[in-house]
Each structure stands twice: as structure tokens, then as C-alpha cells.
């Protein structure tokens, strides 16, 4: 098939200001997957990651869940990033 899964891990990948640019360079036959604690993750950033081509955003919470943003605790980040960017 020629499909690859490309895992983006850390440290914390969301600290990179060029993360969307990196994701955009990944071949369209591949599936980019981001593993994050959610540090500095916002709805705007989720939408930008989706637009860049991110397929899956996977939560790997830190040991201190009190550090996570409130909206992050309420969202399910185990599915495709496209679902995370939907707004009502």
C-alpha cells in the first residue's frame, strides 16, 4: 500500500512553532499522529493542525492533570483530529 504512520512525539511537540509546517510536509499517503500532553493546546491550534494534515491527536496526559486546560479535560482526543476541530 505504501502507507506509513508518522509519529510526532517529544519532549512536547506543541512547543514547536513550526509544527504545522512540519506536518504539511508529510507525504499525503502517510498518516501523521501527534502524541501530546496538551500543553499550549487550544481549539485554534487543533484547527491549524487539522488543516496542515494531522490525522490523529493522541492524549498522553502529564502526571499532574490540574495543569491541563479545562476544555482539554472535557474533549476526547483519542480520535481523528478532524473530529476535534468541529464546533457547534
N, C-alpha and C. Protein backbone atom coordinates (compact mmCIF):
# COMPACT_ATOMS: atom_id res chain seq x y z
N UNK A 1 0.80 -1.20 0.00
CA UNK A 1 0.00 0.00 0.00
C UNK A 1 0.84 1.26 0.00
N UNK A 2 2.01 1.25 0.61
CA UNK A 2 2.85 2.43 0.65
C UNK A 2 2.45 3.46 1.68
N UNK A 3 1.65 3.06 2.67
CA UNK A 3 1.22 3.99 3.71
C UNK A 3 2.11 3.85 4.93
N UNK A 4 2.50 4.97 5.49
CA UNK A 4 3.31 4.98 6.71
C UNK A 4 2.59 5.76 7.79
N UNK A 5 2.81 5.36 9.04
CA UNK A 5 2.34 6.13 10.18
C UNK A 5 3.54 6.91 10.69
N UNK A 6 3.39 8.22 10.75
CA UNK A 6 4.48 9.09 11.20
C UNK A 6 4.10 9.63 12.57
N UNK A 7 4.82 9.19 13.60
CA UNK A 7 4.55 9.63 14.97
C UNK A 7 5.35 10.86 15.33
N UNK A 8 4.65 11.88 15.81
CA UNK A 8 5.30 13.11 16.27
C UNK A 8 5.23 13.12 17.79
N UNK A 9 6.40 12.98 18.41
CA UNK A 9 6.46 12.88 19.86
C UNK A 9 7.43 13.94 20.39
N UNK A 10 7.76 13.86 21.66
CA UNK A 10 8.57 14.91 22.25
C UNK A 10 9.77 14.40 22.98
N UNK A 11 10.09 15.25 23.87
CA UNK A 11 9.60 16.38 24.61
C UNK A 11 8.11 16.60 24.33
N UNK A 12 7.77 17.82 24.09
CA UNK A 12 6.39 18.22 23.80
C UNK A 12 6.36 18.87 22.41
N UNK A 13 5.81 18.17 21.41
CA UNK A 13 5.81 18.70 20.05
C UNK A 13 5.09 20.04 19.89
N UNK A 14 4.09 20.31 20.74
CA UNK A 14 3.34 21.56 20.61
C UNK A 14 4.16 22.79 20.95
N UNK A 15 5.33 22.61 21.52
CA UNK A 15 6.21 23.75 21.80
C UNK A 15 6.84 24.29 20.52
N UNK A 16 6.82 23.49 19.47
CA UNK A 16 7.38 23.93 18.18
C UNK A 16 6.41 24.85 17.48
N UNK A 17 6.88 26.05 17.15
CA UNK A 17 6.04 26.99 16.42
C UNK A 17 5.85 26.56 14.97
N UNK A 18 6.74 25.71 14.47
CA UNK A 18 6.67 25.26 13.08
C UNK A 18 6.05 23.87 12.92
N UNK A 19 5.33 23.40 13.94
CA UNK A 19 4.77 22.06 13.90
C UNK A 19 3.82 21.88 12.72
N UNK A 20 2.99 22.86 12.45
CA UNK A 20 2.06 22.76 11.31
C UNK A 20 2.83 22.66 10.00
N UNK A 21 3.94 23.39 9.88
CA UNK A 21 4.76 23.32 8.67
C UNK A 21 5.37 21.93 8.50
N UNK A 22 5.81 21.36 9.61
CA UNK A 22 6.38 20.01 9.57
C UNK A 22 5.33 19.01 9.12
N UNK A 23 4.14 19.09 9.70
CA UNK A 23 3.06 18.17 9.34
C UNK A 23 2.69 18.33 7.87
N UNK A 24 2.66 19.55 7.38
CA UNK A 24 2.29 19.81 5.99
C UNK A 24 3.28 19.18 4.99
N UNK A 25 4.51 18.93 5.42
CA UNK A 25 5.50 18.34 4.52
C UNK A 25 5.41 16.82 4.45
N UNK A 26 4.61 16.21 5.31
CA UNK A 26 4.48 14.75 5.32
C UNK A 26 3.66 14.31 4.11
N UNK A 27 4.15 13.31 3.43
CA UNK A 27 3.51 12.77 2.23
C UNK A 27 2.05 12.42 2.49
N UNK A 28 1.18 12.75 1.56
CA UNK A 28 -0.26 12.54 1.73
C UNK A 28 -0.64 11.07 1.85
N UNK A 29 0.26 10.15 1.47
CA UNK A 29 -0.02 8.73 1.63
C UNK A 29 0.26 8.25 3.06
N UNK A 30 0.85 9.13 3.86
CA UNK A 30 1.20 8.79 5.23
C UNK A 30 0.16 9.34 6.20
N UNK A 31 0.20 8.83 7.43
CA UNK A 31 -0.75 9.23 8.46
C UNK A 31 0.02 9.85 9.62
N UNK A 32 0.01 11.20 9.73
CA UNK A 32 0.68 11.84 10.86
C UNK A 32 -0.14 11.69 12.15
N UNK A 33 0.54 11.29 13.21
CA UNK A 33 -0.08 11.11 14.52
C UNK A 33 0.71 11.93 15.53
N UNK A 34 0.01 12.75 16.31
CA UNK A 34 0.66 13.61 17.30
C UNK A 34 0.37 13.09 18.70
N UNK A 35 1.42 12.84 19.46
CA UNK A 35 1.31 12.44 20.87
C UNK A 35 1.68 13.65 21.71
N UNK A 36 0.76 14.09 22.57
CA UNK A 36 0.96 15.33 23.31
C UNK A 36 0.35 15.26 24.70
N UNK A 37 0.89 16.08 25.59
CA UNK A 37 0.27 16.25 26.91
C UNK A 37 -0.84 17.28 26.83
N UNK A 38 -0.88 18.02 25.73
CA UNK A 38 -1.87 19.07 25.57
C UNK A 38 -1.39 20.42 26.01
N UNK A 39 -0.13 20.52 26.41
CA UNK A 39 0.43 21.79 26.84
C UNK A 39 0.35 22.80 25.71
N UNK A 40 -0.24 23.95 25.97
CA UNK A 40 -0.43 25.03 25.00
C UNK A 40 -1.37 24.65 23.86
N UNK A 41 -2.21 23.64 24.05
CA UNK A 41 -3.15 23.25 23.01
C UNK A 41 -4.43 24.08 23.14
N UNK A 42 -4.83 24.68 22.05
CA UNK A 42 -6.05 25.47 22.01
C UNK A 42 -6.91 24.97 20.85
N UNK A 43 -8.16 25.36 20.83
CA UNK A 43 -9.03 24.99 19.70
C UNK A 43 -8.46 25.53 18.39
N UNK A 44 -7.91 26.73 18.43
CA UNK A 44 -7.32 27.32 17.23
C UNK A 44 -6.15 26.48 16.73
N UNK A 45 -5.34 26.00 17.66
CA UNK A 45 -4.19 25.17 17.27
C UNK A 45 -4.66 23.84 16.72
N UNK A 46 -5.70 23.25 17.31
CA UNK A 46 -6.23 21.98 16.79
C UNK A 46 -6.69 22.17 15.35
N UNK A 47 -7.38 23.26 15.07
CA UNK A 47 -7.85 23.52 13.71
C UNK A 47 -6.67 23.69 12.75
N UNK A 48 -5.63 24.39 13.19
CA UNK A 48 -4.45 24.58 12.35
C UNK A 48 -3.73 23.26 12.08
N UNK A 49 -3.65 22.40 13.09
CA UNK A 49 -3.03 21.09 12.92
C UNK A 49 -3.83 20.25 11.93
N UNK A 50 -5.14 20.30 12.04
CA UNK A 50 -6.01 19.57 11.11
C UNK A 50 -5.80 20.07 9.68
N UNK A 51 -5.79 21.39 9.52
CA UNK A 51 -5.61 21.98 8.20
C UNK A 51 -4.26 21.58 7.60
N UNK A 52 -3.25 21.42 8.45
CA UNK A 52 -1.91 21.03 7.99
C UNK A 52 -1.86 19.56 7.57
N UNK A 53 -2.86 18.77 8.00
CA UNK A 53 -2.90 17.37 7.59
C UNK A 53 -2.82 16.35 8.71
N UNK A 54 -2.87 16.81 9.97
CA UNK A 54 -2.81 15.86 11.08
C UNK A 54 -4.02 14.93 11.04
N UNK A 55 -3.78 13.64 11.19
CA UNK A 55 -4.85 12.64 11.17
C UNK A 55 -5.34 12.28 12.56
N UNK A 56 -4.41 12.09 13.50
CA UNK A 56 -4.80 11.64 14.85
C UNK A 56 -4.04 12.46 15.89
N UNK A 57 -4.78 12.90 16.90
CA UNK A 57 -4.22 13.63 18.03
C UNK A 57 -4.45 12.76 19.26
N UNK A 58 -3.38 12.25 19.86
CA UNK A 58 -3.49 11.31 20.96
C UNK A 58 -3.02 11.94 22.25
N UNK A 59 -3.89 11.90 23.24
CA UNK A 59 -3.58 12.44 24.56
C UNK A 59 -2.67 11.50 25.34
N UNK A 60 -1.61 12.06 25.87
CA UNK A 60 -0.72 11.37 26.79
C UNK A 60 -0.56 12.31 27.98
N UNK A 61 -1.56 12.36 28.87
CA UNK A 61 -1.57 13.39 29.91
C UNK A 61 -0.36 13.32 30.83
N UNK A 62 0.00 14.50 31.33
CA UNK A 62 1.08 14.57 32.30
C UNK A 62 0.58 13.96 33.61
N UNK A 63 1.47 13.78 34.54
CA UNK A 63 1.08 13.21 35.83
C UNK A 63 0.21 14.16 36.63
N UNK A 64 0.28 15.44 36.34
CA UNK A 64 -0.49 16.43 37.06
C UNK A 64 -1.62 16.96 36.17
N UNK A 65 -2.78 16.33 36.22
CA UNK A 65 -3.89 16.72 35.35
C UNK A 65 -4.42 18.11 35.68
N UNK A 66 -4.07 18.65 36.85
CA UNK A 66 -4.52 20.00 37.19
C UNK A 66 -3.85 21.05 36.31
N UNK A 67 -2.75 20.68 35.64
CA UNK A 67 -2.06 21.61 34.76
C UNK A 67 -2.74 21.70 33.39
N UNK A 68 -3.62 20.77 33.05
CA UNK A 68 -4.25 20.76 31.74
C UNK A 68 -5.36 21.79 31.66
N UNK A 69 -5.53 22.45 30.50
CA UNK A 69 -6.63 23.40 30.36
C UNK A 69 -7.97 22.72 30.58
N UNK A 70 -8.94 23.46 31.09
CA UNK A 70 -10.25 22.90 31.40
C UNK A 70 -10.91 22.30 30.17
N UNK A 71 -10.88 23.00 29.01
CA UNK A 71 -11.55 22.45 27.83
C UNK A 71 -10.89 21.16 27.39
N UNK A 72 -9.58 21.03 27.62
CA UNK A 72 -8.84 19.84 27.21
C UNK A 72 -9.33 18.62 27.98
N UNK A 73 -9.63 18.81 29.26
CA UNK A 73 -10.12 17.69 30.08
C UNK A 73 -11.47 17.20 29.57
N UNK A 74 -12.25 18.08 28.95
CA UNK A 74 -13.60 17.73 28.51
C UNK A 74 -13.63 17.12 27.11
N UNK A 75 -12.55 17.28 26.33
CA UNK A 75 -12.55 16.80 24.95
C UNK A 75 -11.98 15.40 24.87
N UNK A 76 -12.44 14.65 23.90
CA UNK A 76 -11.92 13.31 23.64
C UNK A 76 -10.89 13.42 22.54
N UNK A 77 -9.63 13.27 22.87
CA UNK A 77 -8.56 13.40 21.89
C UNK A 77 -8.07 12.05 21.40
N UNK A 78 -8.89 11.02 21.50
CA UNK A 78 -8.44 9.71 21.08
C UNK A 78 -8.81 9.40 19.65
N UNK A 79 -9.56 10.28 18.98
CA UNK A 79 -9.97 10.03 17.61
C UNK A 79 -9.28 10.97 16.64
N UNK A 80 -9.72 10.94 15.39
CA UNK A 80 -9.09 11.79 14.37
C UNK A 80 -9.19 13.27 14.72
N UNK A 81 -8.14 14.00 14.37
CA UNK A 81 -8.10 15.43 14.67
C UNK A 81 -9.26 16.17 14.01
N UNK A 82 -9.75 15.65 12.89
CA UNK A 82 -10.85 16.32 12.21
C UNK A 82 -12.06 16.43 13.14
N UNK A 83 -12.32 15.42 13.94
CA UNK A 83 -13.46 15.45 14.85
C UNK A 83 -13.26 16.47 15.96
N UNK A 84 -12.01 16.71 16.35
CA UNK A 84 -11.72 17.63 17.44
C UNK A 84 -11.97 19.08 17.03
N UNK A 85 -11.87 19.37 15.74
CA UNK A 85 -11.99 20.74 15.27
C UNK A 85 -13.44 21.16 15.00
N UNK A 86 -14.37 20.24 15.15
CA UNK A 86 -15.77 20.58 14.92
C UNK A 86 -16.26 21.50 16.03
N UNK A 87 -16.96 22.52 15.65
CA UNK A 87 -17.55 23.42 16.63
C UNK A 87 -19.05 23.46 16.43
N UNK A 88 -19.75 23.78 17.48
CA UNK A 88 -21.21 23.82 17.39
C UNK A 88 -21.68 25.21 17.07
